[in-house]
Amino acid sequence: MGISSSGIHKRVKKLVDTGMVRKFVAVVDPQVVGKKLKAFMGISTSPGTCGEVIAQLSQRYEVLEIHEVAGEHDLFVKLVTDDTLKLNEILHCTRSTRSRE
């Protein structure tokens, strides 16, 4: 590129300082770390329990993203796991705070 590493560092720092870049993240390939199943779940919650379900799901390392949505479901969750048995375990972990799926 023809730019020194210190020059690149200064440019990246400026992007962070101005708010153009808010964070850096590692994108891990699930299959490389042994996770074979990627799933998207729509979850419906009981009134007033959405925050509690989000808190429970946020503690699970398998959960990659949680989105609050309008429509048939209250939450849309993206996760990776070993198999359908583990997926069902994750579903059941929130069952006590959900009344419907």
N, C-alpha and C. Protein backbone atom coordinates (compact mmCIF):
# COMPACT_ATOMS: atom_id res chain seq x y z
N MET A 1 0.81 -1.19 0.00
CA MET A 1 0.00 0.00 0.00
C MET A 1 0.86 1.26 0.00
N GLY A 2 2.10 1.13 0.37
CA GLY A 2 2.96 2.30 0.37
C GLY A 2 2.78 3.19 1.59
N ILE A 3 2.20 2.66 2.65
CA ILE A 3 1.98 3.44 3.87
C ILE A 3 2.66 2.71 5.03
N SER A 4 3.32 3.47 5.88
CA SER A 4 3.98 2.84 7.03
C SER A 4 2.93 2.38 8.05
N SER A 5 3.34 1.46 8.91
CA SER A 5 2.41 0.96 9.92
C SER A 5 1.99 2.08 10.88
N SER A 6 2.89 3.02 11.15
CA SER A 6 2.51 4.14 12.03
C SER A 6 1.49 5.05 11.34
N GLY A 7 1.62 5.20 10.03
CA GLY A 7 0.65 5.99 9.27
C GLY A 7 -0.73 5.35 9.28
N ILE A 8 -0.75 4.03 9.13
CA ILE A 8 -2.02 3.30 9.19
C ILE A 8 -2.62 3.44 10.58
N HIS A 9 -1.79 3.29 11.61
CA HIS A 9 -2.27 3.42 12.99
C HIS A 9 -2.91 4.79 13.21
N LYS A 10 -2.27 5.86 12.72
CA LYS A 10 -2.81 7.21 12.89
C LYS A 10 -4.16 7.36 12.19
N ARG A 11 -4.28 6.80 10.98
CA ARG A 11 -5.54 6.90 10.24
C ARG A 11 -6.66 6.14 10.95
N VAL A 12 -6.34 4.95 11.43
CA VAL A 12 -7.35 4.16 12.15
C VAL A 12 -7.75 4.88 13.44
N LYS A 13 -6.78 5.41 14.17
CA LYS A 13 -7.07 6.14 15.41
C LYS A 13 -7.98 7.32 15.13
N LYS A 14 -7.75 8.03 14.04
CA LYS A 14 -8.59 9.17 13.69
C LYS A 14 -10.02 8.71 13.41
N LEU A 15 -10.18 7.58 12.72
CA LEU A 15 -11.52 7.04 12.45
C LEU A 15 -12.24 6.70 13.75
N VAL A 16 -11.51 6.14 14.70
CA VAL A 16 -12.10 5.80 16.00
C VAL A 16 -12.43 7.07 16.77
N ASP A 17 -11.49 8.01 16.81
CA ASP A 17 -11.68 9.25 17.57
C ASP A 17 -12.86 10.08 17.05
N THR A 18 -13.10 10.06 15.75
CA THR A 18 -14.21 10.82 15.18
C THR A 18 -15.53 10.08 15.24
N GLY A 19 -15.49 8.83 15.68
CA GLY A 19 -16.73 8.06 15.79
C GLY A 19 -17.13 7.32 14.53
N MET A 20 -16.32 7.42 13.48
CA MET A 20 -16.64 6.71 12.24
C MET A 20 -16.54 5.20 12.44
N VAL A 21 -15.60 4.78 13.27
CA VAL A 21 -15.46 3.37 13.63
C VAL A 21 -15.74 3.28 15.13
N ARG A 22 -16.74 2.46 15.50
CA ARG A 22 -17.10 2.36 16.92
C ARG A 22 -16.46 1.17 17.61
N LYS A 23 -16.22 0.09 16.88
CA LYS A 23 -15.60 -1.07 17.51
C LYS A 23 -15.02 -2.00 16.46
N PHE A 24 -14.14 -2.86 16.92
CA PHE A 24 -13.55 -3.89 16.08
C PHE A 24 -14.00 -5.23 16.64
N VAL A 25 -14.36 -6.15 15.76
CA VAL A 25 -14.82 -7.46 16.22
C VAL A 25 -14.13 -8.56 15.43
N ALA A 26 -14.01 -9.71 16.08
CA ALA A 26 -13.49 -10.90 15.39
C ALA A 26 -14.69 -11.68 14.86
N VAL A 27 -14.62 -12.09 13.61
CA VAL A 27 -15.67 -12.90 13.01
C VAL A 27 -15.13 -14.32 12.93
N VAL A 28 -15.67 -15.18 13.78
CA VAL A 28 -15.19 -16.55 13.89
C VAL A 28 -16.03 -17.45 12.99
N ASP A 29 -15.39 -18.33 12.26
CA ASP A 29 -16.10 -19.32 11.45
C ASP A 29 -16.62 -20.40 12.38
N PRO A 30 -17.95 -20.54 12.53
CA PRO A 30 -18.50 -21.52 13.47
C PRO A 30 -18.03 -22.95 13.23
N GLN A 31 -17.85 -23.33 11.98
CA GLN A 31 -17.43 -24.70 11.69
C GLN A 31 -16.00 -24.96 12.14
N VAL A 32 -15.16 -23.95 12.10
CA VAL A 32 -13.77 -24.12 12.52
C VAL A 32 -13.70 -24.40 14.02
N VAL A 33 -14.62 -23.81 14.79
CA VAL A 33 -14.63 -24.03 16.24
C VAL A 33 -15.60 -25.14 16.64
N GLY A 34 -16.05 -25.93 15.67
CA GLY A 34 -16.85 -27.11 15.98
C GLY A 34 -18.35 -26.91 16.06
N LYS A 35 -18.84 -25.74 15.67
CA LYS A 35 -20.29 -25.51 15.68
C LYS A 35 -20.83 -25.78 14.29
N LYS A 36 -21.69 -26.78 14.18
CA LYS A 36 -22.13 -27.23 12.87
C LYS A 36 -23.50 -26.69 12.46
N LEU A 37 -24.28 -26.19 13.42
CA LEU A 37 -25.64 -25.78 13.13
C LEU A 37 -25.81 -24.28 13.37
N LYS A 38 -26.21 -23.56 12.33
CA LYS A 38 -26.56 -22.15 12.48
C LYS A 38 -28.08 -22.09 12.45
N ALA A 39 -28.66 -21.38 13.39
CA ALA A 39 -30.12 -21.32 13.48
C ALA A 39 -30.58 -19.89 13.70
N PHE A 40 -31.78 -19.63 13.21
CA PHE A 40 -32.47 -18.37 13.44
C PHE A 40 -33.79 -18.73 14.11
N MET A 41 -34.05 -18.17 15.28
CA MET A 41 -35.27 -18.49 16.02
C MET A 41 -36.12 -17.25 16.20
N GLY A 42 -37.42 -17.41 15.96
CA GLY A 42 -38.38 -16.39 16.33
C GLY A 42 -38.96 -16.78 17.67
N ILE A 43 -38.92 -15.88 18.64
CA ILE A 43 -39.39 -16.18 19.99
C ILE A 43 -40.47 -15.18 20.37
N SER A 44 -41.59 -15.70 20.87
CA SER A 44 -42.65 -14.86 21.41
C SER A 44 -42.60 -14.94 22.92
N THR A 45 -42.78 -13.81 23.57
CA THR A 45 -42.67 -13.76 25.03
C THR A 45 -43.99 -13.35 25.66
N SER A 46 -44.12 -13.62 26.95
CA SER A 46 -45.26 -13.12 27.71
C SER A 46 -45.09 -11.62 27.89
N PRO A 47 -46.20 -10.89 28.04
CA PRO A 47 -46.09 -9.45 28.26
C PRO A 47 -45.18 -9.13 29.45
N GLY A 48 -44.25 -8.21 29.24
CA GLY A 48 -43.37 -7.77 30.30
C GLY A 48 -42.15 -8.64 30.56
N THR A 49 -41.96 -9.71 29.77
CA THR A 49 -40.83 -10.61 30.03
C THR A 49 -39.74 -10.54 28.97
N CYS A 50 -39.91 -9.70 27.98
CA CYS A 50 -38.95 -9.64 26.87
C CYS A 50 -37.53 -9.33 27.38
N GLY A 51 -37.40 -8.38 28.27
CA GLY A 51 -36.09 -8.02 28.81
C GLY A 51 -35.42 -9.16 29.54
N GLU A 52 -36.21 -9.92 30.29
CA GLU A 52 -35.67 -11.06 31.03
C GLU A 52 -35.19 -12.16 30.09
N VAL A 53 -35.96 -12.40 29.02
CA VAL A 53 -35.56 -13.41 28.03
C VAL A 53 -34.28 -12.97 27.33
N ILE A 54 -34.18 -11.69 26.98
CA ILE A 54 -32.97 -11.17 26.35
C ILE A 54 -31.78 -11.36 27.29
N ALA A 55 -31.96 -11.08 28.57
CA ALA A 55 -30.88 -11.25 29.55
C ALA A 55 -30.43 -12.70 29.63
N GLN A 56 -31.39 -13.63 29.62
CA GLN A 56 -31.04 -15.06 29.67
C GLN A 56 -30.28 -15.48 28.42
N LEU A 57 -30.78 -15.07 27.27
CA LEU A 57 -30.14 -15.46 26.01
C LEU A 57 -28.75 -14.83 25.88
N SER A 58 -28.58 -13.62 26.37
CA SER A 58 -27.30 -12.92 26.27
C SER A 58 -26.18 -13.63 27.01
N GLN A 59 -26.53 -14.43 28.00
CA GLN A 59 -25.54 -15.18 28.78
C GLN A 59 -25.02 -16.40 28.03
N ARG A 60 -25.70 -16.81 26.96
CA ARG A 60 -25.32 -18.02 26.23
C ARG A 60 -24.29 -17.67 25.17
N TYR A 61 -23.17 -18.37 25.17
CA TYR A 61 -22.12 -18.09 24.18
C TYR A 61 -22.56 -18.46 22.77
N GLU A 62 -23.55 -19.33 22.64
CA GLU A 62 -24.02 -19.74 21.31
C GLU A 62 -24.79 -18.63 20.60
N VAL A 63 -25.35 -17.70 21.36
CA VAL A 63 -26.18 -16.64 20.79
C VAL A 63 -25.29 -15.55 20.20
N LEU A 64 -25.47 -15.30 18.91
CA LEU A 64 -24.67 -14.30 18.21
C LEU A 64 -25.36 -12.94 18.15
N GLU A 65 -26.68 -12.95 17.93
CA GLU A 65 -27.43 -11.71 17.79
C GLU A 65 -28.82 -11.90 18.37
N ILE A 66 -29.36 -10.82 18.96
CA ILE A 66 -30.74 -10.80 19.43
C ILE A 66 -31.36 -9.50 18.93
N HIS A 67 -32.50 -9.62 18.26
CA HIS A 67 -33.18 -8.44 17.74
C HIS A 67 -34.61 -8.42 18.24
N GLU A 68 -35.05 -7.28 18.78
CA GLU A 68 -36.47 -7.11 19.12
C GLU A 68 -37.18 -6.72 17.84
N VAL A 69 -38.28 -7.42 17.54
CA VAL A 69 -38.99 -7.19 16.28
C VAL A 69 -40.48 -7.03 16.54
N ALA A 70 -41.18 -6.47 15.58
CA ALA A 70 -42.64 -6.36 15.63
C ALA A 70 -43.21 -7.42 14.70
N GLY A 71 -44.34 -7.96 15.06
CA GLY A 71 -44.98 -8.97 14.22
C GLY A 71 -45.32 -10.20 15.03
N GLU A 72 -45.26 -11.35 14.38
CA GLU A 72 -45.65 -12.60 15.02
C GLU A 72 -44.79 -12.92 16.24
N HIS A 73 -43.51 -12.61 16.19
CA HIS A 73 -42.59 -12.88 17.29
C HIS A 73 -42.11 -11.57 17.91
N ASP A 74 -41.61 -11.67 19.12
CA ASP A 74 -41.06 -10.50 19.82
C ASP A 74 -39.56 -10.37 19.64
N LEU A 75 -38.89 -11.52 19.49
CA LEU A 75 -37.43 -11.56 19.34
C LEU A 75 -37.06 -12.42 18.15
N PHE A 76 -35.97 -12.05 17.51
CA PHE A 76 -35.39 -12.87 16.45
C PHE A 76 -33.94 -13.10 16.87
N VAL A 77 -33.54 -14.37 17.01
CA VAL A 77 -32.25 -14.72 17.57
C VAL A 77 -31.44 -15.52 16.56
N LYS A 78 -30.17 -15.14 16.39
CA LYS A 78 -29.24 -15.88 15.53
C LYS A 78 -28.25 -16.57 16.45
N LEU A 79 -28.04 -17.87 16.24
CA LEU A 79 -27.11 -18.62 17.08
C LEU A 79 -26.44 -19.73 16.31
N VAL A 80 -25.36 -20.23 16.88
CA VAL A 80 -24.67 -21.40 16.34
C VAL A 80 -24.55 -22.42 17.47
N THR A 81 -24.67 -23.68 17.12
CA THR A 81 -24.60 -24.72 18.13
C THR A 81 -24.13 -26.03 17.50
N ASP A 82 -23.92 -27.01 18.35
CA ASP A 82 -23.41 -28.30 17.88
C ASP A 82 -24.46 -29.08 17.09
N ASP A 83 -25.69 -29.11 17.60
CA ASP A 83 -26.72 -29.95 17.00
C ASP A 83 -28.10 -29.52 17.48
N THR A 84 -29.13 -30.21 17.03
CA THR A 84 -30.50 -29.85 17.40
C THR A 84 -30.77 -30.10 18.88
N LEU A 85 -30.09 -31.04 19.50
CA LEU A 85 -30.27 -31.27 20.94
C LEU A 85 -29.85 -30.03 21.73
N LYS A 86 -28.72 -29.45 21.38
CA LYS A 86 -28.25 -28.24 22.06
C LYS A 86 -29.18 -27.07 21.75
N LEU A 87 -29.70 -27.02 20.53
CA LEU A 87 -30.64 -25.98 20.17
C LEU A 87 -31.89 -26.05 21.04
N ASN A 88 -32.41 -27.26 21.24
CA ASN A 88 -33.58 -27.44 22.10
C ASN A 88 -33.28 -27.05 23.54
N GLU A 89 -32.08 -27.33 24.01
CA GLU A 89 -31.68 -26.94 25.37
C GLU A 89 -31.74 -25.42 25.52
N ILE A 90 -31.27 -24.71 24.51
CA ILE A 90 -31.30 -23.25 24.55
C ILE A 90 -32.74 -22.75 24.57
N LEU A 91 -33.60 -23.36 23.77
CA LEU A 91 -35.02 -23.00 23.76
C LEU A 91 -35.64 -23.19 25.14
N HIS A 92 -35.34 -24.32 25.76
CA HIS A 92 -35.93 -24.63 27.06
C HIS A 92 -35.41 -23.73 28.17
N CYS A 93 -34.21 -23.19 28.01
CA CYS A 93 -33.65 -22.33 29.07
C CYS A 93 -34.49 -21.08 29.28
N THR A 94 -35.23 -20.66 28.28
CA THR A 94 -36.05 -19.45 28.41
C THR A 94 -37.53 -19.77 28.58
N ARG A 95 -37.87 -21.03 28.57
CA ARG A 95 -39.29 -21.42 28.59
C ARG A 95 -40.02 -20.90 29.83
N SER A 96 -39.35 -20.84 30.97
CA SER A 96 -40.03 -20.41 32.20
C SER A 96 -40.51 -18.96 32.12
N THR A 97 -39.89 -18.15 31.27
CA THR A 97 -40.31 -16.76 31.15
C THR A 97 -41.12 -16.50 29.88
N ARG A 98 -41.29 -17.52 29.07
CA ARG A 98 -42.09 -17.36 27.86
C ARG A 98 -43.38 -18.16 28.02
N SER A 99 -44.47 -17.65 27.50
CA SER A 99 -45.71 -18.41 27.58
C SER A 99 -46.06 -19.05 26.25
N ARG A 100 -45.48 -18.51 25.17
CA ARG A 100 -45.82 -19.04 23.84
C ARG A 100 -44.59 -18.97 22.95
N GLU A 101 -44.54 -19.84 21.94
CA GLU A 101 -43.42 -19.84 21.00
C GLU A 101 -43.92 -19.51 19.62
